[in-house]
Amino acid sequence: MDDFSTPGKKNTFGVEPSQSNYIEPRKRPMSSMSPSIFVDHKGIPHLVVGASGGTKITTAISLVVMNYLWFNRTLSEAVVEPRLHHQLLPDYIRIDKDFPCPSTSKQD
């Protein structure tokens, strides 16, 4: 069960335990679930998104929405675009192999 944190034990995704998510009576686990509905100025729905993936849910949803709404990708294109993800703890960034990274060479 990875819904709650266990003191001193990383979860299946390698995330350190969080005291705010320790098991307690009548407590619900915190979740990254973030189903979202995007509507236009008239309130008409134009995009409904959600995701699975544990700690990567919010990053995945944000990148899909950004690619779809800002960069005019089709929904299929937005979903398969390469991604990056920063977990905070542990402090490292996961970058898909094909993610477009800026050049590190010095420009004169």
C-alpha atoms as a PDB file:
ATOM      1  CA  MET A   1       0.000   0.000   0.000  1.00  0.00           C
ATOM      2  CA  ASP A   2       1.603   3.267  -1.133  1.00  0.00           C
ATOM      3  CA  ASP A   3      -1.248   5.602  -0.254  1.00  0.00           C
ATOM      4  CA  PHE A   4       0.174   6.408   3.185  1.00  0.00           C
ATOM      5  CA  SER A   5       3.790   6.989   4.231  1.00  0.00           C
ATOM      6  CA  THR A   6       5.640   4.579   6.486  1.00  0.00           C
ATOM      7  CA  PRO A   7       8.272   6.177   8.741  1.00  0.00           C
ATOM      8  CA  GLY A   8      11.791   5.428   7.478  1.00  0.00           C
ATOM      9  CA  LYS A   9      10.633   3.632   4.313  1.00  0.00           C
ATOM     10  CA  LYS A  10      10.577   4.956   0.728  1.00  0.00           C
ATOM     11  CA  ASN A  11       7.493   4.101  -1.296  1.00  0.00           C
ATOM     12  CA  THR A  12       7.386   2.175  -4.579  1.00  0.00           C
ATOM     13  CA  PHE A  13       8.211   5.365  -6.502  1.00  0.00           C
ATOM     14  CA  GLY A  14      11.316   6.001  -4.354  1.00  0.00           C
ATOM     15  CA  VAL A  15       9.744   8.945  -2.540  1.00  0.00           C
ATOM     16  CA  GLU A  16      10.846   9.609   1.044  1.00  0.00           C
ATOM     17  CA  PRO A  17       8.099   9.299   3.677  1.00  0.00           C
ATOM     18  CA  SER A  18       6.159  12.422   4.600  1.00  0.00           C
ATOM     19  CA  GLN A  19       5.057  12.902   8.203  1.00  0.00           C
ATOM     20  CA  SER A  20       1.875  14.599   6.992  1.00  0.00           C
ATOM     21  CA  ASN A  21       0.950  11.345   5.230  1.00  0.00           C
ATOM     22  CA  TYR A  22       1.614   8.898   8.104  1.00  0.00           C
ATOM     23  CA  ILE A  23      -1.216   6.528   8.937  1.00  0.00           C
ATOM     24  CA  GLU A  24      -3.611   7.827  11.601  1.00  0.00           C
ATOM     25  CA  PRO A  25      -7.180   6.901  12.570  1.00  0.00           C
ATOM     26  CA  ARG A  26      -9.850   8.434  10.289  1.00  0.00           C
ATOM     27  CA  LYS A  27      -7.208  10.006   8.056  1.00  0.00           C
ATOM     28  CA  ARG A  28      -7.271   9.962   4.259  1.00  0.00           C
ATOM     29  CA  PRO A  29      -4.012   9.800   2.324  1.00  0.00           C
ATOM     30  CA  MET A  30      -2.848  12.877   0.456  1.00  0.00           C
ATOM     31  CA  SER A  31      -2.966  12.414  -3.284  1.00  0.00           C
ATOM     32  CA  SER A  32      -1.569  13.949  -6.445  1.00  0.00           C
ATOM     33  CA  MET A  33      -4.820  13.198  -8.267  1.00  0.00           C
ATOM     34  CA  SER A  34      -5.911  16.356 -10.026  1.00  0.00           C
ATOM     35  CA  PRO A  35      -8.735  15.820 -12.500  1.00  0.00           C
ATOM     36  CA  SER A  36      -9.207  19.136 -14.300  1.00  0.00           C
ATOM     37  CA  ILE A  37     -11.819  20.715 -16.555  1.00  0.00           C
ATOM     38  CA  PHE A  38     -10.829  23.676 -18.729  1.00  0.00           C
ATOM     39  CA  VAL A  39     -13.659  25.923 -19.867  1.00  0.00           C
ATOM     40  CA  ASP A  40     -13.819  28.974 -22.117  1.00  0.00           C
ATOM     41  CA  HIS A  41     -15.090  32.404 -21.060  1.00  0.00           C
ATOM     42  CA  LYS A  42     -18.687  31.174 -21.525  1.00  0.00           C
ATOM     43  CA  GLY A  43     -18.130  28.166 -19.289  1.00  0.00           C
ATOM     44  CA  ILE A  44     -18.135  25.665 -22.158  1.00  0.00           C
ATOM     45  CA  PRO A  45     -15.754  22.746 -21.462  1.00  0.00           C
ATOM     46  CA  HIS A  46     -12.904  22.421 -23.976  1.00  0.00           C
ATOM     47  CA  LEU A  47     -10.535  20.029 -22.247  1.00  0.00           C
ATOM     48  CA  VAL A  48     -10.924  17.444 -19.496  1.00  0.00           C
ATOM     49  CA  VAL A  49      -7.735  15.821 -18.222  1.00  0.00           C
ATOM     50  CA  GLY A  50      -6.522  13.492 -15.514  1.00  0.00           C
ATOM     51  CA  ALA A  51      -3.641  11.068 -15.142  1.00  0.00           C
ATOM     52  CA  SER A  52      -2.190   8.135 -13.303  1.00  0.00           C
ATOM     53  CA  GLY A  53       1.429   7.931 -12.316  1.00  0.00           C
ATOM     54  CA  GLY A  54       1.863   8.705  -8.649  1.00  0.00           C
ATOM     55  CA  THR A  55       4.141  11.650  -8.051  1.00  0.00           C
ATOM     56  CA  LYS A  56       4.328  12.527 -11.757  1.00  0.00           C
ATOM     57  CA  ILE A  57       0.598  13.230 -12.110  1.00  0.00           C
ATOM     58  CA  THR A  58       0.709  17.006 -11.669  1.00  0.00           C
ATOM     59  CA  THR A  59       3.714  17.396 -13.968  1.00  0.00           C
ATOM     60  CA  ALA A  60       2.148  15.203 -16.653  1.00  0.00           C
ATOM     61  CA  ILE A  61      -1.162  17.063 -16.572  1.00  0.00           C
ATOM     62  CA  SER A  62       0.566  20.452 -16.655  1.00  0.00           C
ATOM     63  CA  LEU A  63       2.716  19.535 -19.649  1.00  0.00           C
ATOM     64  CA  VAL A  64      -0.177  18.018 -21.607  1.00  0.00           C
ATOM     65  CA  VAL A  65      -2.346  21.091 -20.980  1.00  0.00           C
ATOM     66  CA  MET A  66       0.509  23.448 -21.864  1.00  0.00           C
ATOM     67  CA  ASN A  67       1.262  21.621 -25.120  1.00  0.00           C
ATOM     68  CA  TYR A  68      -2.412  21.432 -26.063  1.00  0.00           C
ATOM     69  CA  LEU A  69      -3.545  24.956 -25.149  1.00  0.00           C
ATOM     70  CA  TRP A  70      -0.384  27.038 -25.613  1.00  0.00           C
ATOM     71  CA  PHE A  71       1.479  25.207 -28.367  1.00  0.00           C
ATOM     72  CA  ASN A  72      -1.571  24.014 -30.354  1.00  0.00           C
ATOM     73  CA  ARG A  73      -0.614  20.337 -30.366  1.00  0.00           C
ATOM     74  CA  THR A  74      -3.385  17.833 -30.943  1.00  0.00           C
ATOM     75  CA  LEU A  75      -4.373  15.999 -27.784  1.00  0.00           C
ATOM     76  CA  SER A  76      -2.595  12.867 -29.033  1.00  0.00           C
ATOM     77  CA  GLU A  77       0.577  14.875 -29.725  1.00  0.00           C
ATOM     78  CA  ALA A  78       0.390  16.621 -26.351  1.00  0.00           C
ATOM     79  CA  VAL A  79       0.145  13.300 -24.513  1.00  0.00           C
ATOM     80  CA  VAL A  80       3.178  11.716 -26.221  1.00  0.00           C
ATOM     81  CA  GLU A  81       5.478  14.779 -26.094  1.00  0.00           C
ATOM     82  CA  PRO A  82       8.715  14.168 -24.135  1.00  0.00           C
ATOM     83  CA  ARG A  83       8.558  15.328 -20.522  1.00  0.00           C
ATOM     84  CA  LEU A  84      10.640  16.463 -17.607  1.00  0.00           C
ATOM     85  CA  HIS A  85       9.823  16.046 -13.936  1.00  0.00           C
ATOM     86  CA  HIS A  86      11.315  17.382 -10.710  1.00  0.00           C
ATOM     87  CA  GLN A  87      10.206  15.622  -7.545  1.00  0.00           C
ATOM     88  CA  LEU A  88      11.754  18.048  -4.990  1.00  0.00           C
ATOM     89  CA  LEU A  89      12.776  15.120  -2.785  1.00  0.00           C
ATOM     90  CA  PRO A  90      14.932  13.443  -3.916  1.00  0.00           C
ATOM     91  CA  ASP A  91      16.423  16.545  -5.513  1.00  0.00           C
ATOM     92  CA  TYR A  92      16.924  15.575  -9.142  1.00  0.00           C
ATOM     93  CA  ILE A  93      15.247  16.139 -12.480  1.00  0.00           C
ATOM     94  CA  ARG A  94      14.040  13.322 -14.721  1.00  0.00           C
ATOM     95  CA  ILE A  95      14.205  14.255 -18.393  1.00  0.00           C
ATOM     96  CA  ASP A  96      12.884  12.079 -21.219  1.00  0.00           C
ATOM     97  CA  LYS A  97      15.571  11.199 -23.755  1.00  0.00           C
ATOM     98  CA  ASP A  98      13.932  13.214 -26.544  1.00  0.00           C
ATOM     99  CA  PHE A  99      13.103  16.288 -24.454  1.00  0.00           C
ATOM    100  CA  PRO A 100      14.261  19.438 -26.306  1.00  0.00           C
ATOM    101  CA  CYS A 101      17.027  20.918 -24.154  1.00  0.00           C
ATOM    102  CA  PRO A 102      18.651  24.269 -24.908  1.00  0.00           C
ATOM    103  CA  SER A 103      22.187  24.177 -26.204  1.00  0.00           C
ATOM    104  CA  THR A 104      24.866  24.399 -23.545  1.00  0.00           C
ATOM    105  CA  SER A 105      27.433  25.812 -25.960  1.00  0.00           C
ATOM    106  CA  LYS A 106      28.507  29.392 -25.456  1.00  0.00           C
ATOM    107  CA  GLN A 107      27.245  31.875 -28.042  1.00  0.00           C
ATOM    108  CA  ASP A 108      29.599  34.729 -29.029  1.00  0.00           C
END
